[in-house]
PDB file of all heavy atoms in Angstrom:
ATOM      1  N   LYS A   1       2.911 -14.380  11.556  1.00  0.00           N
ATOM      2  CA  LYS A   1       1.560 -13.989  11.955  1.00  0.00           C
ATOM      3  C   LYS A   1       1.482 -12.476  11.960  1.00  0.00           C
ATOM      4  O   LYS A   1       2.429 -11.804  12.355  1.00  0.00           O
ATOM      5  CB  LYS A   1       1.249 -14.506  13.373  1.00  0.00           C
ATOM      6  CG  LYS A   1       1.189 -16.033  13.456  1.00  0.00           C
ATOM      7  CD  LYS A   1      -0.235 -16.530  13.449  1.00  0.00           C
ATOM      8  CE  LYS A   1      -0.353 -18.016  13.258  1.00  0.00           C
ATOM      9  NZ  LYS A   1       0.074 -18.810  14.357  1.00  0.00           N
ATOM     10  N   CYS A   2       0.349 -11.947  11.500  1.00  0.00           N
ATOM     11  CA  CYS A   2       0.129 -10.503  11.529  1.00  0.00           C
ATOM     12  C   CYS A   2      -0.718 -10.154  12.746  1.00  0.00           C
ATOM     13  O   CYS A   2      -1.573 -10.941  13.149  1.00  0.00           O
ATOM     14  CB  CYS A   2      -0.625 -10.050  10.274  1.00  0.00           C
ATOM     15  SG  CYS A   2       0.276 -10.325   8.741  1.00  0.00           S
ATOM     16  N   TYR A   3      -0.475  -9.003  13.298  1.00  0.00           N
ATOM     17  CA  TYR A   3      -1.369  -8.495  14.333  1.00  0.00           C
ATOM     18  C   TYR A   3      -1.422  -6.985  14.240  1.00  0.00           C
ATOM     19  O   TYR A   3      -0.599  -6.367  13.562  1.00  0.00           O
ATOM     20  CB  TYR A   3      -1.004  -8.997  15.731  1.00  0.00           C
ATOM     21  CG  TYR A   3       0.376  -8.668  16.234  1.00  0.00           C
ATOM     22  CD1 TYR A   3       0.590  -7.609  17.109  1.00  0.00           C
ATOM     23  CD2 TYR A   3       1.471  -9.441  15.874  1.00  0.00           C
ATOM     24  CE1 TYR A   3       1.859  -7.330  17.592  1.00  0.00           C
ATOM     25  CE2 TYR A   3       2.740  -9.165  16.359  1.00  0.00           C
ATOM     26  CZ  TYR A   3       2.917  -8.109  17.216  1.00  0.00           C
ATOM     27  OH  TYR A   3       4.159  -7.831  17.707  1.00  0.00           O
ATOM     28  N   CYS A   4      -2.431  -6.407  14.873  1.00  0.00           N
ATOM     29  CA  CYS A   4      -2.691  -4.977  14.721  1.00  0.00           C
ATOM     30  C   CYS A   4      -2.345  -4.178  15.964  1.00  0.00           C
ATOM     31  O   CYS A   4      -2.282  -4.710  17.068  1.00  0.00           O
ATOM     32  CB  CYS A   4      -4.176  -4.766  14.393  1.00  0.00           C
ATOM     33  SG  CYS A   4      -4.682  -5.615  12.895  1.00  0.00           S
ATOM     34  N   LEU A   5      -2.163  -2.886  15.748  1.00  0.00           N
ATOM     35  CA  LEU A   5      -1.926  -1.963  16.855  1.00  0.00           C
ATOM     36  C   LEU A   5      -3.212  -1.831  17.651  1.00  0.00           C
ATOM     37  O   LEU A   5      -4.307  -2.118  17.147  1.00  0.00           O
ATOM     38  CB  LEU A   5      -1.504  -0.590  16.315  1.00  0.00           C
ATOM     39  CG  LEU A   5      -0.151  -0.538  15.589  1.00  0.00           C
ATOM     40  CD1 LEU A   5      -0.034   0.736  14.785  1.00  0.00           C
ATOM     41  CD2 LEU A   5       0.980  -0.645  16.591  1.00  0.00           C
ATOM     42  N   ASN A   6      -3.077  -1.377  18.875  1.00  0.00           N
ATOM     43  CA  ASN A   6      -4.257  -1.195  19.719  1.00  0.00           C
ATOM     44  C   ASN A   6      -5.246  -0.239  19.046  1.00  0.00           C
ATOM     45  O   ASN A   6      -4.861   0.765  18.478  1.00  0.00           O
ATOM     46  CB  ASN A   6      -3.816  -0.645  21.085  1.00  0.00           C
ATOM     47  CG  ASN A   6      -4.984  -0.467  22.017  1.00  0.00           C
ATOM     48  OD1 ASN A   6      -5.913  -1.278  22.000  1.00  0.00           O
ATOM     49  ND2 ASN A   6      -4.969   0.583  22.804  1.00  0.00           N
ATOM     50  N   GLY A   7      -6.501  -0.593  19.097  1.00  0.00           N
ATOM     51  CA  GLY A   7      -7.547   0.232  18.490  1.00  0.00           C
ATOM     52  C   GLY A   7      -7.899  -0.209  17.087  1.00  0.00           C
ATOM     53  O   GLY A   7      -8.750   0.378  16.433  1.00  0.00           O
ATOM     54  N   TYR A   8      -7.225  -1.265  16.594  1.00  0.00           N
ATOM     55  CA  TYR A   8      -7.492  -1.804  15.262  1.00  0.00           C
ATOM     56  C   TYR A   8      -7.877  -3.274  15.351  1.00  0.00           C
ATOM     57  O   TYR A   8      -7.506  -3.961  16.292  1.00  0.00           O
ATOM     58  CB  TYR A   8      -6.260  -1.660  14.359  1.00  0.00           C
ATOM     59  CG  TYR A   8      -5.978  -0.230  13.977  1.00  0.00           C
ATOM     60  CD1 TYR A   8      -5.287   0.625  14.842  1.00  0.00           C
ATOM     61  CD2 TYR A   8      -6.422   0.274  12.760  1.00  0.00           C
ATOM     62  CE1 TYR A   8      -5.043   1.943  14.502  1.00  0.00           C
ATOM     63  CE2 TYR A   8      -6.172   1.598  12.405  1.00  0.00           C
ATOM     64  CZ  TYR A   8      -5.480   2.426  13.273  1.00  0.00           C
ATOM     65  OH  TYR A   8      -5.242   3.726  12.925  1.00  0.00           O
ATOM     66  N   MET A   9      -8.608  -3.713  14.357  1.00  0.00           N
ATOM     67  CA  MET A   9      -9.075  -5.078  14.321  1.00  0.00           C
ATOM     68  C   MET A   9      -8.470  -5.798  13.124  1.00  0.00           C
ATOM     69  O   MET A   9      -8.413  -5.236  12.025  1.00  0.00           O
ATOM     70  CB  MET A   9     -10.610  -5.081  14.210  1.00  0.00           C
ATOM     71  CG  MET A   9     -11.231  -6.437  14.343  1.00  0.00           C
ATOM     72  SD  MET A   9     -13.013  -6.333  14.218  1.00  0.00           S
ATOM     73  CE  MET A   9     -13.424  -5.338  15.608  1.00  0.00           C
ATOM     74  N   LEU A  10      -7.991  -7.037  13.341  1.00  0.00           N
ATOM     75  CA  LEU A  10      -7.413  -7.832  12.255  1.00  0.00           C
ATOM     76  C   LEU A  10      -8.542  -8.359  11.377  1.00  0.00           C
ATOM     77  O   LEU A  10      -9.443  -9.035  11.836  1.00  0.00           O
ATOM     78  CB  LEU A  10      -6.585  -8.996  12.822  1.00  0.00           C
ATOM     79  CG  LEU A  10      -5.793  -9.816  11.807  1.00  0.00           C
ATOM     80  CD1 LEU A  10      -4.690  -8.977  11.158  1.00  0.00           C
ATOM     81  CD2 LEU A  10      -5.188 -11.041  12.465  1.00  0.00           C
ATOM     82  N   MET A  11      -8.474  -8.046  10.104  1.00  0.00           N
ATOM     83  CA  MET A  11      -9.486  -8.479   9.150  1.00  0.00           C
ATOM     84  C   MET A  11      -9.075  -9.814   8.514  1.00  0.00           C
ATOM     85  O   MET A  11      -7.904 -10.169   8.540  1.00  0.00           O
ATOM     86  CB  MET A  11      -9.677  -7.405   8.055  1.00  0.00           C
ATOM     87  CG  MET A  11     -10.023  -6.025   8.596  1.00  0.00           C
ATOM     88  SD  MET A  11     -11.370  -6.011   9.802  1.00  0.00           S
ATOM     89  CE  MET A  11     -12.770  -6.113   8.699  1.00  0.00           C
ATOM     90  N   PRO A  12     -10.039 -10.557   7.927  1.00  0.00           N
ATOM     91  CA  PRO A  12      -9.711 -11.860   7.319  1.00  0.00           C
ATOM     92  C   PRO A  12      -8.602 -11.804   6.263  1.00  0.00           C
ATOM     93  O   PRO A  12      -7.861 -12.759   6.080  1.00  0.00           O
ATOM     94  CB  PRO A  12     -11.032 -12.322   6.688  1.00  0.00           C
ATOM     95  CG  PRO A  12     -12.094 -11.591   7.468  1.00  0.00           C
ATOM     96  CD  PRO A  12     -11.477 -10.279   7.838  1.00  0.00           C
ATOM     97  N   ASP A  13      -8.453 -10.652   5.561  1.00  0.00           N
ATOM     98  CA  ASP A  13      -7.419 -10.550   4.520  1.00  0.00           C
ATOM     99  C   ASP A  13      -6.061 -10.106   5.082  1.00  0.00           C
ATOM    100  O   ASP A  13      -5.113  -9.850   4.335  1.00  0.00           O
ATOM    101  CB  ASP A  13      -7.874  -9.589   3.413  1.00  0.00           C
ATOM    102  CG  ASP A  13      -8.046  -8.146   3.897  1.00  0.00           C
ATOM    103  OD1 ASP A  13      -7.922  -7.896   5.121  1.00  0.00           O
ATOM    104  OD2 ASP A  13      -8.292  -7.271   3.045  1.00  0.00           O
ATOM    105  N   GLY A  14      -5.943 -10.010   6.419  1.00  0.00           N
ATOM    106  CA  GLY A  14      -4.684  -9.646   7.061  1.00  0.00           C
ATOM    107  C   GLY A  14      -4.481  -8.161   7.264  1.00  0.00           C
ATOM    108  O   GLY A  14      -3.491  -7.742   7.846  1.00  0.00           O
ATOM    109  N   THR A  15      -5.427  -7.325   6.774  1.00  0.00           N
ATOM    110  CA  THR A  15      -5.309  -5.879   6.982  1.00  0.00           C
ATOM    111  C   THR A  15      -5.861  -5.512   8.365  1.00  0.00           C
ATOM    112  O   THR A  15      -6.500  -6.322   9.028  1.00  0.00           O
ATOM    113  CB  THR A  15      -6.074  -5.095   5.889  1.00  0.00           C
ATOM    114  OG1 THR A  15      -7.460  -5.474   5.947  1.00  0.00           O
ATOM    115  CG2 THR A  15      -5.520  -5.376   4.508  1.00  0.00           C
ATOM    116  N   CYS A  16      -5.614  -4.269   8.768  1.00  0.00           N
ATOM    117  CA  CYS A  16      -6.078  -3.791  10.067  1.00  0.00           C
ATOM    118  C   CYS A  16      -7.100  -2.673   9.853  1.00  0.00           C
ATOM    119  O   CYS A  16      -6.833  -1.714   9.135  1.00  0.00           O
ATOM    120  CB  CYS A  16      -4.907  -3.269  10.886  1.00  0.00           C
ATOM    121  SG  CYS A  16      -3.704  -4.552  11.282  1.00  0.00           S
ATOM    122  N   ALA A  17      -8.246  -2.830  10.464  1.00  0.00           N
ATOM    123  CA  ALA A  17      -9.303  -1.825  10.333  1.00  0.00           C
ATOM    124  C   ALA A  17      -9.504  -1.127  11.678  1.00  0.00           C
ATOM    125  O   ALA A  17      -9.487  -1.770  12.726  1.00  0.00           O
ATOM    126  CB  ALA A  17     -10.608  -2.486   9.895  1.00  0.00           C
ATOM    127  N   SER A  18      -9.678   0.207  11.610  1.00  0.00           N
ATOM    128  CA  SER A  18      -9.895   0.982  12.826  1.00  0.00           C
ATOM    129  C   SER A  18     -11.193   0.539  13.487  1.00  0.00           C
ATOM    130  O   SER A  18     -12.202   0.313  12.834  1.00  0.00           O
ATOM    131  CB  SER A  18      -9.960   2.468  12.473  1.00  0.00           C
ATOM    132  OG  SER A  18     -10.189   3.211  13.637  1.00  0.00           O
ATOM    133  N   SER A  19     -11.134   0.373  14.785  1.00  0.00           N
ATOM    134  CA  SER A  19     -12.321  -0.096  15.500  1.00  0.00           C
ATOM    135  C   SER A  19     -12.437   0.627  16.835  1.00  0.00           C
ATOM    136  O   SER A  19     -11.537   0.576  17.666  1.00  0.00           O
ATOM    137  CB  SER A  19     -12.219  -1.610  15.730  1.00  0.00           C
ATOM    138  OG  SER A  19     -13.144  -2.024  16.680  1.00  0.00           O
ATOM    139  N   ARG A  20     -13.555   1.295  17.017  1.00  0.00           N
ATOM    140  CA  ARG A  20     -13.797   2.030  18.262  1.00  0.00           C
ATOM    141  C   ARG A  20     -13.883   1.049  19.428  1.00  0.00           C
ATOM    142  O   ARG A  20     -13.348   1.288  20.504  1.00  0.00           O
ATOM    143  CB  ARG A  20     -15.095   2.837  18.129  1.00  0.00           C
ATOM    144  CG  ARG A  20     -15.208   3.978  19.128  1.00  0.00           C
ATOM    145  CD  ARG A  20     -16.455   4.779  18.879  1.00  0.00           C
ATOM    146  NE  ARG A  20     -17.681   4.000  19.079  1.00  0.00           N
ATOM    147  CZ  ARG A  20     -18.213   3.766  20.288  1.00  0.00           C
ATOM    148  NH1 ARG A  20     -17.645   4.260  21.362  1.00  0.00           N
ATOM    149  NH2 ARG A  20     -19.322   3.063  20.410  1.00  0.00           N
ATOM    150  N   THR A  21     -14.513  -0.104  19.180  1.00  0.00           N
ATOM    151  CA  THR A  21     -14.677  -1.097  20.248  1.00  0.00           C
ATOM    152  C   THR A  21     -13.317  -1.681  20.648  1.00  0.00           C
ATOM    153  O   THR A  21     -13.048  -1.883  21.819  1.00  0.00           O
ATOM    154  CB  THR A  21     -15.640  -2.230  19.827  1.00  0.00           C
ATOM    155  OG1 THR A  21     -15.289  -2.657  18.522  1.00  0.00           O
ATOM    156  CG2 THR A  21     -17.072  -1.800  19.853  1.00  0.00           C
ATOM    157  N   CYS A  22     -12.421  -1.929  19.660  1.00  0.00           N
ATOM    158  CA  CYS A  22     -11.088  -2.445  19.975  1.00  0.00           C
ATOM    159  C   CYS A  22     -10.302  -1.434  20.804  1.00  0.00           C
ATOM    160  O   CYS A  22      -9.589  -1.800  21.722  1.00  0.00           O
ATOM    161  CB  CYS A  22     -10.316  -2.757  18.693  1.00  0.00           C
ATOM    162  SG  CYS A  22     -10.513  -4.463  18.137  1.00  0.00           S
ATOM    163  N   ALA A  23     -10.427  -0.177  20.453  1.00  0.00           N
ATOM    164  CA  ALA A  23      -9.717   0.879  21.175  1.00  0.00           C
ATOM    165  C   ALA A  23     -10.165   0.926  22.631  1.00  0.00           C
ATOM    166  O   ALA A  23      -9.371   1.169  23.533  1.00  0.00           O
ATOM    167  CB  ALA A  23      -9.954   2.217  20.499  1.00  0.00           C
ATOM    168  N   MET A  24     -11.440   0.650  22.863  1.00  0.00           N
ATOM    169  CA  MET A  24     -11.979   0.686  24.230  1.00  0.00           C
ATOM    170  C   MET A  24     -11.473  -0.494  25.059  1.00  0.00           C
ATOM    171  O   MET A  24     -11.217  -0.372  26.245  1.00  0.00           O
ATOM    172  CB  MET A  24     -13.519   0.674  24.190  1.00  0.00           C
ATOM    173  CG  MET A  24     -14.104   2.029  23.787  1.00  0.00           C
ATOM    174  SD  MET A  24     -15.757   1.953  23.084  1.00  0.00           S
ATOM    175  CE  MET A  24     -16.670   1.113  24.333  1.00  0.00           C
ATOM    176  N   VAL A  25     -11.306  -1.665  24.415  1.00  0.00           N
ATOM    177  CA  VAL A  25     -10.875  -2.869  25.147  1.00  0.00           C
ATOM    178  C   VAL A  25      -9.385  -2.831  25.476  1.00  0.00           C
ATOM    179  O   VAL A  25      -8.945  -3.371  26.477  1.00  0.00           O
ATOM    180  CB  VAL A  25     -11.225  -4.154  24.328  1.00  0.00           C
ATOM    181  CG1 VAL A  25     -10.728  -5.398  25.019  1.00  0.00           C
ATOM    182  CG2 VAL A  25     -12.721  -4.243  24.116  1.00  0.00           C
ATOM    183  N   ASN A  26      -8.566  -2.139  24.636  1.00  0.00           N
ATOM    184  CA  ASN A  26      -7.130  -1.970  24.864  1.00  0.00           C
ATOM    185  C   ASN A  26      -6.377  -3.304  24.851  1.00  0.00           C
ATOM    186  O   ASN A  26      -5.725  -3.677  25.819  1.00  0.00           O
ATOM    187  CB  ASN A  26      -6.896  -1.201  26.180  1.00  0.00           C
ATOM    188  CG  ASN A  26      -5.480  -0.673  26.280  1.00  0.00           C
ATOM    189  OD1 ASN A  26      -4.796  -0.528  25.279  1.00  0.00           O
ATOM    190  ND2 ASN A  26      -5.038  -0.410  27.496  1.00  0.00           N
ATOM    191  N   CYS A  27      -6.477  -4.027  23.722  1.00  0.00           N
ATOM    192  CA  CYS A  27      -5.791  -5.317  23.564  1.00  0.00           C
ATOM    193  C   CYS A  27      -4.324  -5.116  23.201  1.00  0.00           C
ATOM    194  O   CYS A  27      -3.990  -4.171  22.495  1.00  0.00           O
ATOM    195  CB  CYS A  27      -6.436  -6.143  22.447  1.00  0.00           C
ATOM    196  SG  CYS A  27      -8.155  -6.584  22.743  1.00  0.00           S
TER     197      CYS A  27
END
């Protein structure tokens, strides 16, 4: 399974896209 660093969102193709909202939630 792939997962992303904090502040990034997992995209359907498995890549990680920078996301301001993800960075705020701190997953």
